[in-house]
């Protein structure tokens, strides 16, 4: 693997017909938790669970490639 390595544990959570991928980061990104859902259609509707926070899909700083360059602990 290329260095540095993103340290995270992924949890799969079934909610209705969808599976959420919950990434709990460690190391330089400790404290960051990101939830992701894969939809079958771009305009598919789904219920957002009450444990979901801010929408960050379009924020590049949350991409793994950016977390390597600018870890969460430096924000």
PDB file of N, CA and C in Angstrom:
ATOM      1  N   UNK A   1       0.827  -1.191   0.000  1.00  0.00           N
ATOM      2  CA  UNK A   1       0.000   0.000   0.000  1.00  0.00           C
ATOM      3  C   UNK A   1       0.869   1.251   0.000  1.00  0.00           C
ATOM      4  N   UNK A   2       0.354   2.266  -0.657  1.00  0.00           N
ATOM      5  CA  UNK A   2       1.040   3.549  -0.627  1.00  0.00           C
ATOM      6  C   UNK A   2       0.852   4.190   0.743  1.00  0.00           C
ATOM      7  N   UNK A   3       1.824   4.959   1.152  1.00  0.00           N
ATOM      8  CA  UNK A   3       1.771   5.644   2.444  1.00  0.00           C
ATOM      9  C   UNK A   3       1.322   7.081   2.237  1.00  0.00           C
ATOM     10  N   UNK A   4       0.690   7.698   3.155  1.00  0.00           N
ATOM     11  CA  UNK A   4       0.179   7.115   4.397  1.00  0.00           C
ATOM     12  C   UNK A   4      -1.089   6.312   4.149  1.00  0.00           C
ATOM     13  N   UNK A   5      -1.416   5.495   5.097  1.00  0.00           N
ATOM     14  CA  UNK A   5      -2.588   4.627   4.996  1.00  0.00           C
ATOM     15  C   UNK A   5      -3.748   5.263   5.753  1.00  0.00           C
ATOM     16  N   UNK A   6      -4.913   5.234   5.150  1.00  0.00           N
ATOM     17  CA  UNK A   6      -6.135   5.676   5.831  1.00  0.00           C
ATOM     18  C   UNK A   6      -6.558   4.556   6.777  1.00  0.00           C
ATOM     19  N   UNK A   7      -6.680   4.876   8.051  1.00  0.00           N
ATOM     20  CA  UNK A   7      -7.097   3.894   9.053  1.00  0.00           C
ATOM     21  C   UNK A   7      -8.584   4.092   9.336  1.00  0.00           C
ATOM     22  N   UNK A   8      -9.365   3.040   9.079  1.00  0.00           N
ATOM     23  CA  UNK A   8     -10.794   3.132   9.364  1.00  0.00           C
ATOM     24  C   UNK A   8     -11.379   1.743   9.509  1.00  0.00           C
ATOM     25  N   UNK A   9     -12.488   1.688  10.215  1.00  0.00           N
ATOM     26  CA  UNK A   9     -13.269   0.462  10.338  1.00  0.00           C
ATOM     27  C   UNK A   9     -14.600   0.740   9.658  1.00  0.00           C
ATOM     28  N   UNK A  10     -15.014  -0.181   8.808  1.00  0.00           N
ATOM     29  CA  UNK A  10     -16.274  -0.018   8.082  1.00  0.00           C
ATOM     30  C   UNK A  10     -17.331  -0.931   8.690  1.00  0.00           C
ATOM     31  N   UNK A  11     -18.479  -0.354   8.955  1.00  0.00           N
ATOM     32  CA  UNK A  11     -19.631  -1.089   9.452  1.00  0.00           C
ATOM     33  C   UNK A  11     -20.730  -1.016   8.398  1.00  0.00           C
ATOM     34  N   UNK A  12     -21.434  -2.116   8.193  1.00  0.00           N
ATOM     35  CA  UNK A  12     -22.562  -2.163   7.264  1.00  0.00           C
ATOM     36  C   UNK A  12     -23.846  -2.188   8.081  1.00  0.00           C
ATOM     37  N   UNK A  13     -24.723  -1.232   7.808  1.00  0.00           N
ATOM     38  CA  UNK A  13     -25.972  -1.099   8.557  1.00  0.00           C
ATOM     39  C   UNK A  13     -27.133  -1.177   7.579  1.00  0.00           C
ATOM     40  N   UNK A  14     -27.982  -2.169   7.770  1.00  0.00           N
ATOM     41  CA  UNK A  14     -29.161  -2.336   6.925  1.00  0.00           C
ATOM     42  C   UNK A  14     -30.277  -1.448   7.452  1.00  0.00           C
ATOM     43  N   UNK A  15     -30.818  -0.599   6.591  1.00  0.00           N
ATOM     44  CA  UNK A  15     -31.934   0.277   6.950  1.00  0.00           C
ATOM     45  C   UNK A  15     -32.927   0.234   5.805  1.00  0.00           C
ATOM     46  N   UNK A  16     -34.083  -0.324   6.068  1.00  0.00           N
ATOM     47  CA  UNK A  16     -35.098  -0.539   5.035  1.00  0.00           C
ATOM     48  C   UNK A  16     -34.483  -1.411   3.937  1.00  0.00           C
ATOM     49  N   UNK A  17     -34.515  -0.979   2.677  1.00  0.00           N
ATOM     50  CA  UNK A  17     -33.972  -1.802   1.585  1.00  0.00           C
ATOM     51  C   UNK A  17     -32.525  -1.450   1.248  1.00  0.00           C
ATOM     52  N   UNK A  18     -31.942  -0.497   1.974  1.00  0.00           N
ATOM     53  CA  UNK A  18     -30.590  -0.043   1.660  1.00  0.00           C
ATOM     54  C   UNK A  18     -29.579  -0.477   2.722  1.00  0.00           C
ATOM     55  N   UNK A  19     -28.343  -0.561   2.303  1.00  0.00           N
ATOM     56  CA  UNK A  19     -27.242  -0.816   3.222  1.00  0.00           C
ATOM     57  C   UNK A  19     -26.380   0.438   3.294  1.00  0.00           C
ATOM     58  N   UNK A  20     -26.204   0.951   4.495  1.00  0.00           N
ATOM     59  CA  UNK A  20     -25.335   2.100   4.722  1.00  0.00           C
ATOM     60  C   UNK A  20     -23.940   1.596   5.073  1.00  0.00           C
ATOM     61  N   UNK A  21     -22.930   2.222   4.510  1.00  0.00           N
ATOM     62  CA  UNK A  21     -21.544   1.946   4.865  1.00  0.00           C
ATOM     63  C   UNK A  21     -21.100   3.059   5.803  1.00  0.00           C
ATOM     64  N   UNK A  22     -20.759   2.687   7.024  1.00  0.00           N
ATOM     65  CA  UNK A  22     -20.341   3.654   8.030  1.00  0.00           C
ATOM     66  C   UNK A  22     -18.843   3.466   8.256  1.00  0.00           C
ATOM     67  N   UNK A  23     -18.056   4.487   7.938  1.00  0.00           N
ATOM     68  CA  UNK A  23     -16.608   4.455   8.138  1.00  0.00           C
ATOM     69  C   UNK A  23     -16.254   5.257   9.376  1.00  0.00           C
ATOM     70  N   UNK A  24     -15.620   4.587  10.344  1.00  0.00           N
ATOM     71  CA  UNK A  24     -15.141   5.217  11.570  1.00  0.00           C
ATOM     72  C   UNK A  24     -13.626   5.304  11.450  1.00  0.00           C
ATOM     73  N   UNK A  25     -13.116   6.512  11.342  1.00  0.00           N
ATOM     74  CA  UNK A  25     -11.703   6.729  11.074  1.00  0.00           C
ATOM     75  C   UNK A  25     -10.881   6.741  12.355  1.00  0.00           C
ATOM     76  N   UNK A  26      -9.614   6.373  12.201  1.00  0.00           N
ATOM     77  CA  UNK A  26      -8.641   6.373  13.292  1.00  0.00           C
ATOM     78  C   UNK A  26      -7.403   7.139  12.843  1.00  0.00           C
ATOM     79  N   UNK A  27      -6.367   7.095  13.653  1.00  0.00           N
ATOM     80  CA  UNK A  27      -5.110   7.745  13.290  1.00  0.00           C
ATOM     81  C   UNK A  27      -5.289   9.239  13.109  1.00  0.00           C
ATOM     82  N   UNK A  28      -4.738   9.782  12.035  1.00  0.00           N
ATOM     83  CA  UNK A  28      -4.788  11.211  11.751  1.00  0.00           C
ATOM     84  C   UNK A  28      -6.203  11.715  11.450  1.00  0.00           C
ATOM     85  N   UNK A  29      -7.133  10.798  11.225  1.00  0.00           N
ATOM     86  CA  UNK A  29      -8.523  11.173  10.937  1.00  0.00           C
ATOM     87  C   UNK A  29      -9.480  10.768  12.054  1.00  0.00           C
ATOM     88  N   UNK A  30      -8.912  10.463  13.232  1.00  0.00           N
ATOM     89  CA  UNK A  30      -9.726  10.032  14.375  1.00  0.00           C
ATOM     90  C   UNK A  30     -10.784  11.081  14.692  1.00  0.00           C
ATOM     91  N   UNK A  31     -11.984  10.597  14.944  1.00  0.00           N
ATOM     92  CA  UNK A  31     -13.098  11.475  15.254  1.00  0.00           C
ATOM     93  C   UNK A  31     -14.038  11.704  14.077  1.00  0.00           C
ATOM     94  N   UNK A  32     -13.584  11.345  12.895  1.00  0.00           N
ATOM     95  CA  UNK A  32     -14.408  11.500  11.695  1.00  0.00           C
ATOM     96  C   UNK A  32     -15.199  10.224  11.452  1.00  0.00           C
ATOM     97  N   UNK A  33     -16.476  10.361  11.237  1.00  0.00           N
ATOM     98  CA  UNK A  33     -17.358   9.243  10.899  1.00  0.00           C
ATOM     99  C   UNK A  33     -18.142   9.656   9.663  1.00  0.00           C
ATOM    100  N   UNK A  34     -18.091   8.815   8.633  1.00  0.00           N
ATOM    101  CA  UNK A  34     -18.764   9.116   7.374  1.00  0.00           C
ATOM    102  C   UNK A  34     -19.712   7.969   7.032  1.00  0.00           C
ATOM    103  N   UNK A  35     -20.937   8.304   6.684  1.00  0.00           N
ATOM    104  CA  UNK A  35     -21.935   7.323   6.268  1.00  0.00           C
ATOM    105  C   UNK A  35     -22.210   7.497   4.780  1.00  0.00           C
ATOM    106  N   UNK A  36     -22.308   6.377   4.081  1.00  0.00           N
ATOM    107  CA  UNK A  36     -22.518   6.417   2.630  1.00  0.00           C
ATOM    108  C   UNK A  36     -23.572   5.383   2.257  1.00  0.00           C
ATOM    109  N   UNK A  37     -24.363   5.738   1.270  1.00  0.00           N
ATOM    110  CA  UNK A  37     -25.388   4.825   0.763  1.00  0.00           C
ATOM    111  C   UNK A  37     -25.245   4.754  -0.757  1.00  0.00           C
ATOM    112  N   UNK A  38     -25.395   3.570  -1.304  1.00  0.00           N
ATOM    113  CA  UNK A  38     -25.370   3.387  -2.754  1.00  0.00           C
ATOM    114  C   UNK A  38     -26.812   3.252  -3.231  1.00  0.00           C
ATOM    115  N   UNK A  39     -27.174   4.096  -4.175  1.00  0.00           N
ATOM    116  CA  UNK A  39     -28.525   4.058  -4.728  1.00  0.00           C
ATOM    117  C   UNK A  39     -28.509   3.382  -6.098  1.00  0.00           C
ATOM    118  N   UNK A  40     -29.633   2.831  -6.497  1.00  0.00           N
ATOM    119  CA  UNK A  40     -29.718   2.178  -7.804  1.00  0.00           C
ATOM    120  C   UNK A  40     -30.037   3.169  -8.916  1.00  0.00           C
ATOM    121  N   UNK A  41     -30.622   4.305  -8.546  1.00  0.00           N
ATOM    122  CA  UNK A  41     -30.954   5.353  -9.519  1.00  0.00           C
ATOM    123  C   UNK A  41     -30.584   6.707  -8.933  1.00  0.00           C
ATOM    124  N   UNK A  42     -30.180   7.636  -9.790  1.00  0.00           N
ATOM    125  CA  UNK A  42     -29.744   8.949  -9.323  1.00  0.00           C
ATOM    126  C   UNK A  42     -30.836   9.719  -8.597  1.00  0.00           C
ATOM    127  N   UNK A  43     -32.099   9.499  -8.974  1.00  0.00           N
ATOM    128  CA  UNK A  43     -33.199  10.222  -8.344  1.00  0.00           C
ATOM    129  C   UNK A  43     -33.996   9.341  -7.378  1.00  0.00           C
ATOM    130  N   UNK A  44     -33.390   8.242  -6.956  1.00  0.00           N
ATOM    131  CA  UNK A  44     -34.058   7.328  -6.026  1.00  0.00           C
ATOM    132  C   UNK A  44     -34.321   8.026  -4.695  1.00  0.00           C
ATOM    133  N   UNK A  45     -35.498   7.821  -4.154  1.00  0.00           N
ATOM    134  CA  UNK A  45     -35.823   8.399  -2.854  1.00  0.00           C
ATOM    135  C   UNK A  45     -35.523   7.381  -1.755  1.00  0.00           C
ATOM    136  N   UNK A  46     -35.166   7.900  -0.605  1.00  0.00           N
ATOM    137  CA  UNK A  46     -34.911   7.049   0.550  1.00  0.00           C
ATOM    138  C   UNK A  46     -35.095   7.892   1.812  1.00  0.00           C
ATOM    139  N   UNK A  47     -35.359   7.220   2.907  1.00  0.00           N
ATOM    140  CA  UNK A  47     -35.534   7.902   4.179  1.00  0.00           C
ATOM    141  C   UNK A  47     -34.170   8.034   4.850  1.00  0.00           C
ATOM    142  N   UNK A  48     -33.834   9.252   5.232  1.00  0.00           N
ATOM    143  CA  UNK A  48     -32.560   9.493   5.911  1.00  0.00           C
ATOM    144  C   UNK A  48     -32.744   9.179   7.395  1.00  0.00           C
ATOM    145  N   UNK A  49     -31.946   8.235   7.925  1.00  0.00           N
ATOM    146  CA  UNK A  49     -32.054   7.894   9.354  1.00  0.00           C
ATOM    147  C   UNK A  49     -31.727   9.102  10.238  1.00  0.00           C
ATOM    148  N   UNK A  50     -32.281   9.127  11.441  1.00  0.00           N
ATOM    149  CA  UNK A  50     -32.054  10.257  12.340  1.00  0.00           C
ATOM    150  C   UNK A  50     -30.620  10.342  12.845  1.00  0.00           C
ATOM    151  N   UNK A  51     -29.803   9.305  12.634  1.00  0.00           N
ATOM    152  CA  UNK A  51     -28.407   9.342  13.072  1.00  0.00           C
ATOM    153  C   UNK A  51     -27.468   9.894  11.994  1.00  0.00           C
ATOM    154  N   UNK A  52     -28.023  10.322  10.877  1.00  0.00           N
ATOM    155  CA  UNK A  52     -27.229  10.945   9.816  1.00  0.00           C
ATOM    156  C   UNK A  52     -27.126  12.445  10.095  1.00  0.00           C
ATOM    157  N   UNK A  53     -25.931  12.981   9.927  1.00  0.00           N
ATOM    158  CA  UNK A  53     -25.712  14.413  10.147  1.00  0.00           C
ATOM    159  C   UNK A  53     -25.662  15.169   8.835  1.00  0.00           C
ATOM    160  N   UNK A  54     -24.667  16.007   8.700  1.00  0.00           N
ATOM    161  CA  UNK A  54     -24.496  16.911   7.569  1.00  0.00           C
ATOM    162  C   UNK A  54     -24.228  16.161   6.260  1.00  0.00           C
ATOM    163  N   UNK A  55     -24.827  16.623   5.179  1.00  0.00           N
ATOM    164  CA  UNK A  55     -24.587  16.092   3.828  1.00  0.00           C
ATOM    165  C   UNK A  55     -23.239  16.622   3.336  1.00  0.00           C
ATOM    166  N   UNK A  56     -22.309  15.706   2.975  1.00  0.00           N
ATOM    167  CA  UNK A  56     -20.966  16.124   2.557  1.00  0.00           C
ATOM    168  C   UNK A  56     -20.552  15.542   1.209  1.00  0.00           C
ATOM    169  N   UNK A  57     -21.499  15.018   0.463  1.00  0.00           N
ATOM    170  CA  UNK A  57     -21.188  14.354  -0.804  1.00  0.00           C
ATOM    171  C   UNK A  57     -20.322  15.199  -1.722  1.00  0.00           C
ATOM    172  N   UNK A  58     -20.615  16.467  -1.836  1.00  0.00           N
ATOM    173  CA  UNK A  58     -19.886  17.315  -2.784  1.00  0.00           C
ATOM    174  C   UNK A  58     -18.676  18.016  -2.173  1.00  0.00           C
ATOM    175  N   UNK A  59     -18.343  17.718  -0.931  1.00  0.00           N
ATOM    176  CA  UNK A  59     -17.211  18.352  -0.263  1.00  0.00           C
ATOM    177  C   UNK A  59     -15.967  17.478  -0.394  1.00  0.00           C
ATOM    178  N   UNK A  60     -15.048  17.898  -1.230  1.00  0.00           N
ATOM    179  CA  UNK A  60     -13.859  17.113  -1.558  1.00  0.00           C
ATOM    180  C   UNK A  60     -12.996  16.793  -0.345  1.00  0.00           C
ATOM    181  N   UNK A  61     -13.028  17.614   0.690  1.00  0.00           N
ATOM    182  CA  UNK A  61     -12.157  17.367   1.841  1.00  0.00           C
ATOM    183  C   UNK A  61     -12.472  16.047   2.544  1.00  0.00           C
ATOM    184  N   UNK A  62     -13.638  15.464   2.271  1.00  0.00           N
ATOM    185  CA  UNK A  62     -14.014  14.183   2.873  1.00  0.00           C
ATOM    186  C   UNK A  62     -13.575  12.980   2.038  1.00  0.00           C
ATOM    187  N   UNK A  63     -13.050  13.198   0.836  1.00  0.00           N
ATOM    188  CA  UNK A  63     -12.591  12.092   0.001  1.00  0.00           C
ATOM    189  C   UNK A  63     -11.328  11.501   0.619  1.00  0.00           C
ATOM    190  N   UNK A  64     -11.168  10.179   0.516  1.00  0.00           N
ATOM    191  CA  UNK A  64      -9.979   9.537   1.074  1.00  0.00           C
ATOM    192  C   UNK A  64      -8.692  10.156   0.548  1.00  0.00           C
ATOM    193  N   UNK A  65      -8.648  10.485  -0.732  1.00  0.00           N
ATOM    194  CA  UNK A  65      -7.446  11.074  -1.317  1.00  0.00           C
ATOM    195  C   UNK A  65      -7.106  12.407  -0.654  1.00  0.00           C
ATOM    196  N   UNK A  66      -8.107  13.157  -0.238  1.00  0.00           N
ATOM    197  CA  UNK A  66      -7.879  14.436   0.431  1.00  0.00           C
ATOM    198  C   UNK A  66      -7.563  14.245   1.912  1.00  0.00           C
ATOM    199  N   UNK A  67      -8.145  13.214   2.522  1.00  0.00           N
ATOM    200  CA  UNK A  67      -7.866  12.947   3.931  1.00  0.00           C
ATOM    201  C   UNK A  67      -6.414  12.527   4.142  1.00  0.00           C
ATOM    202  N   UNK A  68      -5.787  11.964   3.122  1.00  0.00           N
ATOM    203  CA  UNK A  68      -4.367  11.639   3.207  1.00  0.00           C
ATOM    204  C   UNK A  68      -3.551  12.931   3.244  1.00  0.00           C
ATOM    205  N   UNK A  69      -3.895  13.877   2.397  1.00  0.00           N
ATOM    206  CA  UNK A  69      -3.154  15.138   2.282  1.00  0.00           C
ATOM    207  C   UNK A  69      -3.465  16.109   3.432  1.00  0.00           C
ATOM    208  N   UNK A  70      -4.712  16.143   3.856  1.00  0.00           N
ATOM    209  CA  UNK A  70      -5.146  17.077   4.893  1.00  0.00           C
ATOM    210  C   UNK A  70      -6.049  16.337   5.882  1.00  0.00           C
ATOM    211  N   UNK A  71      -5.450  15.598   6.823  1.00  0.00           N
ATOM    212  CA  UNK A  71      -6.225  14.782   7.771  1.00  0.00           C
ATOM    213  C   UNK A  71      -7.185  15.605   8.630  1.00  0.00           C
ATOM    214  N   UNK A  72      -8.214  14.951   9.066  1.00  0.00           N
ATOM    215  CA  UNK A  72      -9.276  15.544   9.882  1.00  0.00           C
ATOM    216  C   UNK A  72      -8.726  16.258  11.117  1.00  0.00           C
ATOM    217  N   UNK A  73      -7.697  15.707  11.757  1.00  0.00           N
ATOM    218  CA  UNK A  73      -7.148  16.313  12.968  1.00  0.00           C
ATOM    219  C   UNK A  73      -6.504  17.670  12.711  1.00  0.00           C
ATOM    220  N   UNK A  74      -6.270  18.029  11.456  1.00  0.00           N
ATOM    221  CA  UNK A  74      -5.681  19.328  11.117  1.00  0.00           C
ATOM    222  C   UNK A  74      -6.731  20.376  10.735  1.00  0.00           C
ATOM    223  N   UNK A  75      -7.991  20.006  10.694  1.00  0.00           N
ATOM    224  CA  UNK A  75      -9.032  20.957  10.283  1.00  0.00           C
ATOM    225  C   UNK A  75      -9.251  21.991  11.360  1.00  0.00           C
TER     226      UNK A  75
END
